[in-house]
Amino acid sequence: MSRQSISLTRPNDEWLKAQVESEEYSSKSEVINDLIRKAREMQEIRKKLIAAEASGFSNRTPEQIRADARAKLRNAADL
């Protein structure tokens, strides 16, 4: 695992300390790693939403979409 040196503002440092003191995390490093993981997950979700939006919109009704999904499930069960 690589080590990094970072500078924090006083409010951010106090917040990190509070997270550790509350025993939510065992160290500041654990808090930082969790924040980075969550940011990466959000970035991935955003990419997927952008791709979905770029793929266009459907003219199908919700009922048609559900019927297609049920048919796909039935076909998958037949395999």
PDB file of N, CA and C in Angstrom:
ATOM      1  N   MET A   1       0.859  -1.170   0.000  1.00  0.00           N
ATOM      2  CA  MET A   1       0.000   0.000   0.000  1.00  0.00           C
ATOM      3  C   MET A   1       0.903   1.230   0.000  1.00  0.00           C
ATOM      4  N   SER A   2       0.589   2.179  -0.850  1.00  0.00           N
ATOM      5  CA  SER A   2       1.420   3.377  -0.912  1.00  0.00           C
ATOM      6  C   SER A   2       1.035   4.349   0.196  1.00  0.00           C
ATOM      7  N   ARG A   3       2.014   5.147   0.587  1.00  0.00           N
ATOM      8  CA  ARG A   3       1.789   6.160   1.613  1.00  0.00           C
ATOM      9  C   ARG A   3       1.768   7.521   0.942  1.00  0.00           C
ATOM     10  N   GLN A   4       0.912   8.390   1.421  1.00  0.00           N
ATOM     11  CA  GLN A   4       0.780   9.735   0.879  1.00  0.00           C
ATOM     12  C   GLN A   4       0.823  10.734   2.019  1.00  0.00           C
ATOM     13  N   SER A   5       1.296  11.896   1.703  1.00  0.00           N
ATOM     14  CA  SER A   5       1.264  12.992   2.666  1.00  0.00           C
ATOM     15  C   SER A   5       0.301  14.033   2.124  1.00  0.00           C
ATOM     16  N   ILE A   6      -0.703  14.391   2.913  1.00  0.00           N
ATOM     17  CA  ILE A   6      -1.677  15.384   2.467  1.00  0.00           C
ATOM     18  C   ILE A   6      -1.824  16.466   3.524  1.00  0.00           C
ATOM     19  N   SER A   7      -2.212  17.629   3.076  1.00  0.00           N
ATOM     20  CA  SER A   7      -2.488  18.741   3.987  1.00  0.00           C
ATOM     21  C   SER A   7      -4.002  18.912   4.054  1.00  0.00           C
ATOM     22  N   LEU A   8      -4.492  19.117   5.264  1.00  0.00           N
ATOM     23  CA  LEU A   8      -5.933  19.269   5.472  1.00  0.00           C
ATOM     24  C   LEU A   8      -6.221  20.603   6.130  1.00  0.00           C
ATOM     25  N   THR A   9      -7.365  21.158   5.795  1.00  0.00           N
ATOM     26  CA  THR A   9      -7.805  22.347   6.524  1.00  0.00           C
ATOM     27  C   THR A   9      -8.184  21.913   7.941  1.00  0.00           C
ATOM     28  N   ARG A  10      -8.228  22.841   8.842  1.00  0.00           N
ATOM     29  CA  ARG A  10      -8.572  22.509  10.228  1.00  0.00           C
ATOM     30  C   ARG A  10      -9.948  21.850  10.330  1.00  0.00           C
ATOM     31  N   PRO A  11     -10.990  22.391   9.663  1.00  0.00           N
ATOM     32  CA  PRO A  11     -12.305  21.733   9.772  1.00  0.00           C
ATOM     33  C   PRO A  11     -12.291  20.295   9.250  1.00  0.00           C
ATOM     34  N   ASN A  12     -11.576  20.055   8.146  1.00  0.00           N
ATOM     35  CA  ASN A  12     -11.522  18.698   7.613  1.00  0.00           C
ATOM     36  C   ASN A  12     -10.764  17.764   8.541  1.00  0.00           C
ATOM     37  N   ASP A  13      -9.687  18.248   9.126  1.00  0.00           N
ATOM     38  CA  ASP A  13      -8.932  17.424  10.064  1.00  0.00           C
ATOM     39  C   ASP A  13      -9.767  17.102  11.295  1.00  0.00           C
ATOM     40  N   GLU A  14     -10.500  18.078  11.786  1.00  0.00           N
ATOM     41  CA  GLU A  14     -11.360  17.850  12.954  1.00  0.00           C
ATOM     42  C   GLU A  14     -12.448  16.838  12.624  1.00  0.00           C
ATOM     43  N   TRP A  15     -13.001  16.928  11.418  1.00  0.00           N
ATOM     44  CA  TRP A  15     -14.038  15.974  11.010  1.00  0.00           C
ATOM     45  C   TRP A  15     -13.468  14.564  10.944  1.00  0.00           C
ATOM     46  N   LEU A  16     -12.266  14.421  10.363  1.00  0.00           N
ATOM     47  CA  LEU A  16     -11.620  13.104  10.305  1.00  0.00           C
ATOM     48  C   LEU A  16     -11.391  12.548  11.705  1.00  0.00           C
ATOM     49  N   LYS A  17     -10.886  13.383  12.588  1.00  0.00           N
ATOM     50  CA  LYS A  17     -10.648  12.946  13.974  1.00  0.00           C
ATOM     51  C   LYS A  17     -11.953  12.485  14.618  1.00  0.00           C
ATOM     52  N   ALA A  18     -13.030  13.224  14.370  1.00  0.00           N
ATOM     53  CA  ALA A  18     -14.330  12.870  14.956  1.00  0.00           C
ATOM     54  C   ALA A  18     -14.808  11.511  14.446  1.00  0.00           C
ATOM     55  N   GLN A  19     -14.552  11.209  13.185  1.00  0.00           N
ATOM     56  CA  GLN A  19     -14.962   9.913  12.630  1.00  0.00           C
ATOM     57  C   GLN A  19     -14.229   8.779  13.344  1.00  0.00           C
ATOM     58  N   VAL A  20     -12.964   8.984  13.623  1.00  0.00           N
ATOM     59  CA  VAL A  20     -12.177   7.956  14.310  1.00  0.00           C
ATOM     60  C   VAL A  20     -12.593   7.867  15.779  1.00  0.00           C
ATOM     61  N   GLU A  21     -12.786   9.017  16.413  1.00  0.00           N
ATOM     62  CA  GLU A  21     -13.178   9.033  17.825  1.00  0.00           C
ATOM     63  C   GLU A  21     -14.544   8.395  18.044  1.00  0.00           C
ATOM     64  N   SER A  22     -15.418   8.485  17.051  1.00  0.00           N
ATOM     65  CA  SER A  22     -16.754   7.882  17.179  1.00  0.00           C
ATOM     66  C   SER A  22     -16.701   6.373  16.981  1.00  0.00           C
ATOM     67  N   GLU A  23     -15.505   5.876  16.671  1.00  0.00           N
ATOM     68  CA  GLU A  23     -15.248   4.458  16.430  1.00  0.00           C
ATOM     69  C   GLU A  23     -15.961   3.946  15.183  1.00  0.00           C
ATOM     70  N   GLU A  24     -16.364   4.881  14.314  1.00  0.00           N
ATOM     71  CA  GLU A  24     -16.912   4.501  13.011  1.00  0.00           C
ATOM     72  C   GLU A  24     -15.798   3.908  12.148  1.00  0.00           C
ATOM     73  N   TYR A  25     -14.604   4.467  12.310  1.00  0.00           N
ATOM     74  CA  TYR A  25     -13.408   4.017  11.598  1.00  0.00           C
ATOM     75  C   TYR A  25     -12.278   3.866  12.606  1.00  0.00           C
ATOM     76  N   SER A  26     -11.285   3.073  12.232  1.00  0.00           N
ATOM     77  CA  SER A  26     -10.166   2.856  13.151  1.00  0.00           C
ATOM     78  C   SER A  26      -9.010   3.818  12.916  1.00  0.00           C
ATOM     79  N   SER A  27      -9.009   4.510  11.763  1.00  0.00           N
ATOM     80  CA  SER A  27      -7.926   5.453  11.476  1.00  0.00           C
ATOM     81  C   SER A  27      -8.389   6.473  10.442  1.00  0.00           C
ATOM     82  N   LYS A  28      -7.644   7.564  10.363  1.00  0.00           N
ATOM     83  CA  LYS A  28      -7.932   8.575   9.347  1.00  0.00           C
ATOM     84  C   LYS A  28      -7.768   7.971   7.956  1.00  0.00           C
ATOM     85  N   SER A  29      -6.779   7.112   7.796  1.00  0.00           N
ATOM     86  CA  SER A  29      -6.547   6.481   6.491  1.00  0.00           C
ATOM     87  C   SER A  29      -7.764   5.682   6.052  1.00  0.00           C
ATOM     88  N   GLU A  30      -8.388   4.997   6.986  1.00  0.00           N
ATOM     89  CA  GLU A  30      -9.574   4.204   6.661  1.00  0.00           C
ATOM     90  C   GLU A  30     -10.710   5.115   6.196  1.00  0.00           C
ATOM     91  N   VAL A  31     -10.854   6.276   6.833  1.00  0.00           N
ATOM     92  CA  VAL A  31     -11.888   7.236   6.433  1.00  0.00           C
ATOM     93  C   VAL A  31     -11.615   7.718   5.007  1.00  0.00           C
ATOM     94  N   ILE A  32     -10.377   8.113   4.750  1.00  0.00           N
ATOM     95  CA  ILE A  32     -10.006   8.620   3.428  1.00  0.00           C
ATOM     96  C   ILE A  32     -10.239   7.550   2.358  1.00  0.00           C
ATOM     97  N   ASN A  33      -9.810   6.319   2.621  1.00  0.00           N
ATOM     98  CA  ASN A  33     -10.016   5.240   1.644  1.00  0.00           C
ATOM     99  C   ASN A  33     -11.499   5.000   1.380  1.00  0.00           C
ATOM    100  N   ASP A  34     -12.333   5.070   2.415  1.00  0.00           N
ATOM    101  CA  ASP A  34     -13.765   4.885   2.244  1.00  0.00           C
ATOM    102  C   ASP A  34     -14.360   6.013   1.401  1.00  0.00           C
ATOM    103  N   LEU A  35     -13.927   7.240   1.657  1.00  0.00           N
ATOM    104  CA  LEU A  35     -14.410   8.375   0.868  1.00  0.00           C
ATOM    105  C   LEU A  35     -14.023   8.221  -0.599  1.00  0.00           C
ATOM    106  N   ILE A  36     -12.803   7.775  -0.857  1.00  0.00           N
ATOM    107  CA  ILE A  36     -12.353   7.583  -2.233  1.00  0.00           C
ATOM    108  C   ILE A  36     -13.150   6.470  -2.906  1.00  0.00           C
ATOM    109  N   ARG A  37     -13.393   5.360  -2.191  1.00  0.00           N
ATOM    110  CA  ARG A  37     -14.197   4.263  -2.743  1.00  0.00           C
ATOM    111  C   ARG A  37     -15.583   4.755  -3.135  1.00  0.00           C
ATOM    112  N   LYS A  38     -16.205   5.528  -2.250  1.00  0.00           N
ATOM    113  CA  LYS A  38     -17.549   6.042  -2.527  1.00  0.00           C
ATOM    114  C   LYS A  38     -17.535   6.999  -3.717  1.00  0.00           C
ATOM    115  N   ALA A  39     -16.513   7.834  -3.816  1.00  0.00           N
ATOM    116  CA  ALA A  39     -16.405   8.757  -4.946  1.00  0.00           C
ATOM    117  C   ALA A  39     -16.237   7.981  -6.251  1.00  0.00           C
ATOM    118  N   ARG A  40     -15.440   6.914  -6.217  1.00  0.00           N
ATOM    119  CA  ARG A  40     -15.249   6.096  -7.417  1.00  0.00           C
ATOM    120  C   ARG A  40     -16.543   5.407  -7.822  1.00  0.00           C
ATOM    121  N   GLU A  41     -17.324   4.919  -6.841  1.00  0.00           N
ATOM    122  CA  GLU A  41     -18.616   4.296  -7.138  1.00  0.00           C
ATOM    123  C   GLU A  41     -19.560   5.309  -7.777  1.00  0.00           C
ATOM    124  N   MET A  42     -19.588   6.516  -7.237  1.00  0.00           N
ATOM    125  CA  MET A  42     -20.454   7.557  -7.787  1.00  0.00           C
ATOM    126  C   MET A  42     -20.029   7.907  -9.211  1.00  0.00           C
ATOM    127  N   GLN A  43     -18.730   7.938  -9.457  1.00  0.00           N
ATOM    128  CA  GLN A  43     -18.219   8.222 -10.795  1.00  0.00           C
ATOM    129  C   GLN A  43     -18.668   7.138 -11.783  1.00  0.00           C
ATOM    130  N   GLU A  44     -18.631   5.888 -11.347  1.00  0.00           N
ATOM    131  CA  GLU A  44     -19.056   4.780 -12.210  1.00  0.00           C
ATOM    132  C   GLU A  44     -20.553   4.853 -12.484  1.00  0.00           C
ATOM    133  N   ILE A  45     -21.338   5.169 -11.473  1.00  0.00           N
ATOM    134  CA  ILE A  45     -22.787   5.315 -11.658  1.00  0.00           C
ATOM    135  C   ILE A  45     -23.069   6.449 -12.632  1.00  0.00           C
ATOM    136  N   ARG A  46     -22.350   7.547 -12.485  1.00  0.00           N
ATOM    137  CA  ARG A  46     -22.540   8.691 -13.384  1.00  0.00           C
ATOM    138  C   ARG A  46     -22.234   8.300 -14.830  1.00  0.00           C
ATOM    139  N   LYS A  47     -21.145   7.552 -15.041  1.00  0.00           N
ATOM    140  CA  LYS A  47     -20.795   7.101 -16.392  1.00  0.00           C
ATOM    141  C   LYS A  47     -21.922   6.260 -16.984  1.00  0.00           C
ATOM    142  N   LYS A  48     -22.482   5.364 -16.176  1.00  0.00           N
ATOM    143  CA  LYS A  48     -23.561   4.496 -16.650  1.00  0.00           C
ATOM    144  C   LYS A  48     -24.816   5.294 -16.976  1.00  0.00           C
ATOM    145  N   LEU A  49     -25.119   6.300 -16.157  1.00  0.00           N
ATOM    146  CA  LEU A  49     -26.286   7.138 -16.420  1.00  0.00           C
ATOM    147  C   LEU A  49     -26.104   7.937 -17.705  1.00  0.00           C
ATOM    148  N   ILE A  50     -24.910   8.457 -17.918  1.00  0.00           N
ATOM    149  CA  ILE A  50     -24.637   9.211 -19.143  1.00  0.00           C
ATOM    150  C   ILE A  50     -24.765   8.305 -20.361  1.00  0.00           C
ATOM    151  N   ALA A  51     -24.217   7.091 -20.263  1.00  0.00           N
ATOM    152  CA  ALA A  51     -24.310   6.138 -21.378  1.00  0.00           C
ATOM    153  C   ALA A  51     -25.766   5.765 -21.645  1.00  0.00           C
ATOM    154  N   ALA A  52     -26.541   5.556 -20.601  1.00  0.00           N
ATOM    155  CA  ALA A  52     -27.951   5.200 -20.770  1.00  0.00           C
ATOM    156  C   ALA A  52     -28.716   6.342 -21.422  1.00  0.00           C
ATOM    157  N   GLU A  53     -28.430   7.553 -20.988  1.00  0.00           N
ATOM    158  CA  GLU A  53     -29.104   8.712 -21.564  1.00  0.00           C
ATOM    159  C   GLU A  53     -28.736   8.888 -23.033  1.00  0.00           C
ATOM    160  N   ALA A  54     -27.479   8.638 -23.360  1.00  0.00           N
ATOM    161  CA  ALA A  54     -27.008   8.792 -24.739  1.00  0.00           C
ATOM    162  C   ALA A  54     -27.583   7.709 -25.660  1.00  0.00           C
ATOM    163  N   SER A  55     -28.016   6.595 -25.082  1.00  0.00           N
ATOM    164  CA  SER A  55     -28.538   5.502 -25.910  1.00  0.00           C
ATOM    165  C   SER A  55     -29.932   5.803 -26.448  1.00  0.00           C
ATOM    166  N   GLY A  56     -30.547   6.842 -25.958  1.00  0.00           N
ATOM    167  CA  GLY A  56     -31.853   7.245 -26.465  1.00  0.00           C
ATOM    168  C   GLY A  56     -32.990   6.835 -25.551  1.00  0.00           C
ATOM    169  N   PHE A  57     -34.149   7.309 -25.902  1.00  0.00           N
ATOM    170  CA  PHE A  57     -35.329   7.041 -25.106  1.00  0.00           C
ATOM    171  C   PHE A  57     -36.217   6.039 -25.823  1.00  0.00           C
ATOM    172  N   SER A  58     -36.984   5.320 -25.062  1.00  0.00           N
ATOM    173  CA  SER A  58     -37.876   4.306 -25.617  1.00  0.00           C
ATOM    174  C   SER A  58     -39.275   4.885 -25.774  1.00  0.00           C
ATOM    175  N   ASN A  59     -39.937   4.448 -26.814  1.00  0.00           N
ATOM    176  CA  ASN A  59     -41.327   4.835 -27.017  1.00  0.00           C
ATOM    177  C   ASN A  59     -42.282   3.799 -26.435  1.00  0.00           C
ATOM    178  N   ARG A  60     -41.708   2.732 -25.857  1.00  0.00           N
ATOM    179  CA  ARG A  60     -42.542   1.671 -25.291  1.00  0.00           C
ATOM    180  C   ARG A  60     -43.189   2.141 -23.987  1.00  0.00           C
ATOM    181  N   THR A  61     -44.331   1.577 -23.700  1.00  0.00           N
ATOM    182  CA  THR A  61     -45.008   1.880 -22.439  1.00  0.00           C
ATOM    183  C   THR A  61     -44.381   1.043 -21.326  1.00  0.00           C
ATOM    184  N   PRO A  62     -44.580   1.434 -20.084  1.00  0.00           N
ATOM    185  CA  PRO A  62     -44.075   0.615 -18.981  1.00  0.00           C
ATOM    186  C   PRO A  62     -44.594  -0.819 -19.040  1.00  0.00           C
ATOM    187  N   GLU A  63     -45.833  -0.997 -19.467  1.00  0.00           N
ATOM    188  CA  GLU A  63     -46.410  -2.339 -19.574  1.00  0.00           C
ATOM    189  C   GLU A  63     -45.663  -3.165 -20.618  1.00  0.00           C
ATOM    190  N   GLN A  64     -45.310  -2.548 -21.740  1.00  0.00           N
ATOM    191  CA  GLN A  64     -44.554  -3.253 -22.778  1.00  0.00           C
ATOM    192  C   GLN A  64     -43.156  -3.634 -22.277  1.00  0.00           C
ATOM    193  N   ILE A  65     -42.550  -2.738 -21.557  1.00  0.00           N
ATOM    194  CA  ILE A  65     -41.214  -3.022 -21.017  1.00  0.00           C
ATOM    195  C   ILE A  65     -41.283  -4.191 -20.042  1.00  0.00           C
ATOM    196  N   ARG A  66     -42.288  -4.188 -19.151  1.00  0.00           N
ATOM    197  CA  ARG A  66     -42.452  -5.296 -18.194  1.00  0.00           C
ATOM    198  C   ARG A  66     -42.717  -6.610 -18.918  1.00  0.00           C
ATOM    199  N   ALA A  67     -43.565  -6.575 -19.943  1.00  0.00           N
ATOM    200  CA  ALA A  67     -43.870  -7.793 -20.699  1.00  0.00           C
ATOM    201  C   ALA A  67     -42.614  -8.336 -21.374  1.00  0.00           C
ATOM    202  N   ASP A  68     -41.797  -7.463 -21.949  1.00  0.00           N
ATOM    203  CA  ASP A  68     -40.543  -7.899 -22.572  1.00  0.00           C
ATOM    204  C   ASP A  68     -39.605  -8.507 -21.539  1.00  0.00           C
ATOM    205  N   ALA A  69     -39.533  -7.887 -20.364  1.00  0.00           N
ATOM    206  CA  ALA A  69     -38.658  -8.403 -19.303  1.00  0.00           C
ATOM    207  C   ALA A  69     -39.131  -9.779 -18.845  1.00  0.00           C
ATOM    208  N   ARG A  70     -40.448  -9.938 -18.687  1.00  0.00           N
ATOM    209  CA  ARG A  70     -40.986 -11.250 -18.291  1.00  0.00           C
ATOM    210  C   ARG A  70     -40.677 -12.312 -19.340  1.00  0.00           C
ATOM    211  N   ALA A  71     -40.828 -11.949 -20.619  1.00  0.00           N
ATOM    212  CA  ALA A  71     -40.542 -12.893 -21.703  1.00  0.00           C
ATOM    213  C   ALA A  71     -39.064 -13.306 -21.678  1.00  0.00           C
ATOM    214  N   LYS A  72     -38.184 -12.370 -21.446  1.00  0.00           N
ATOM    215  CA  LYS A  72     -36.754 -12.687 -21.380  1.00  0.00           C
ATOM    216  C   LYS A  72     -36.464 -13.621 -20.210  1.00  0.00           C
ATOM    217  N   LEU A  73     -37.124 -13.383 -19.077  1.00  0.00           N
ATOM    218  CA  LEU A  73     -36.937 -14.257 -17.914  1.00  0.00           C
ATOM    219  C   LEU A  73     -37.438 -15.669 -18.201  1.00  0.00           C
ATOM    220  N   ARG A  74     -38.593 -15.746 -18.855  1.00  0.00           N
ATOM    221  CA  ARG A  74     -39.138 -17.069 -19.210  1.00  0.00           C
ATOM    222  C   ARG A  74     -38.191 -17.799 -20.164  1.00  0.00           C
ATOM    223  N   ASN A  75     -37.678 -17.105 -21.176  1.00  0.00           N
ATOM    224  CA  ASN A  75     -36.743 -17.709 -22.120  1.00  0.00           C
ATOM    225  C   ASN A  75     -35.463 -18.167 -21.424  1.00  0.00           C
ATOM    226  N   ALA A  76     -34.994 -17.394 -20.491  1.00  0.00           N
ATOM    227  CA  ALA A  76     -33.775 -17.755 -19.756  1.00  0.00           C
ATOM    228  C   ALA A  76     -34.019 -18.990 -18.896  1.00  0.00           C
ATOM    229  N   ALA A  77     -35.229 -19.106 -18.348  1.00  0.00           N
ATOM    230  CA  ALA A  77     -35.571 -20.263 -17.512  1.00  0.00           C
ATOM    231  C   ALA A  77     -35.670 -21.525 -18.360  1.00  0.00           C
ATOM    232  N   ASP A  78     -36.030 -21.389 -19.627  1.00  0.00           N
ATOM    233  CA  ASP A  78     -36.146 -22.541 -20.523  1.00  0.00           C
ATOM    234  C   ASP A  78     -34.791 -23.114 -20.929  1.00  0.00           C
ATOM    235  N   LEU A  79     -33.755 -22.315 -20.780  1.00  0.00           N
ATOM    236  CA  LEU A  79     -32.416 -22.803 -21.191  1.00  0.00           C
ATOM    237  C   LEU A  79     -31.936 -23.789 -20.231  1.00  0.00           C
TER     238      LEU A  79
END
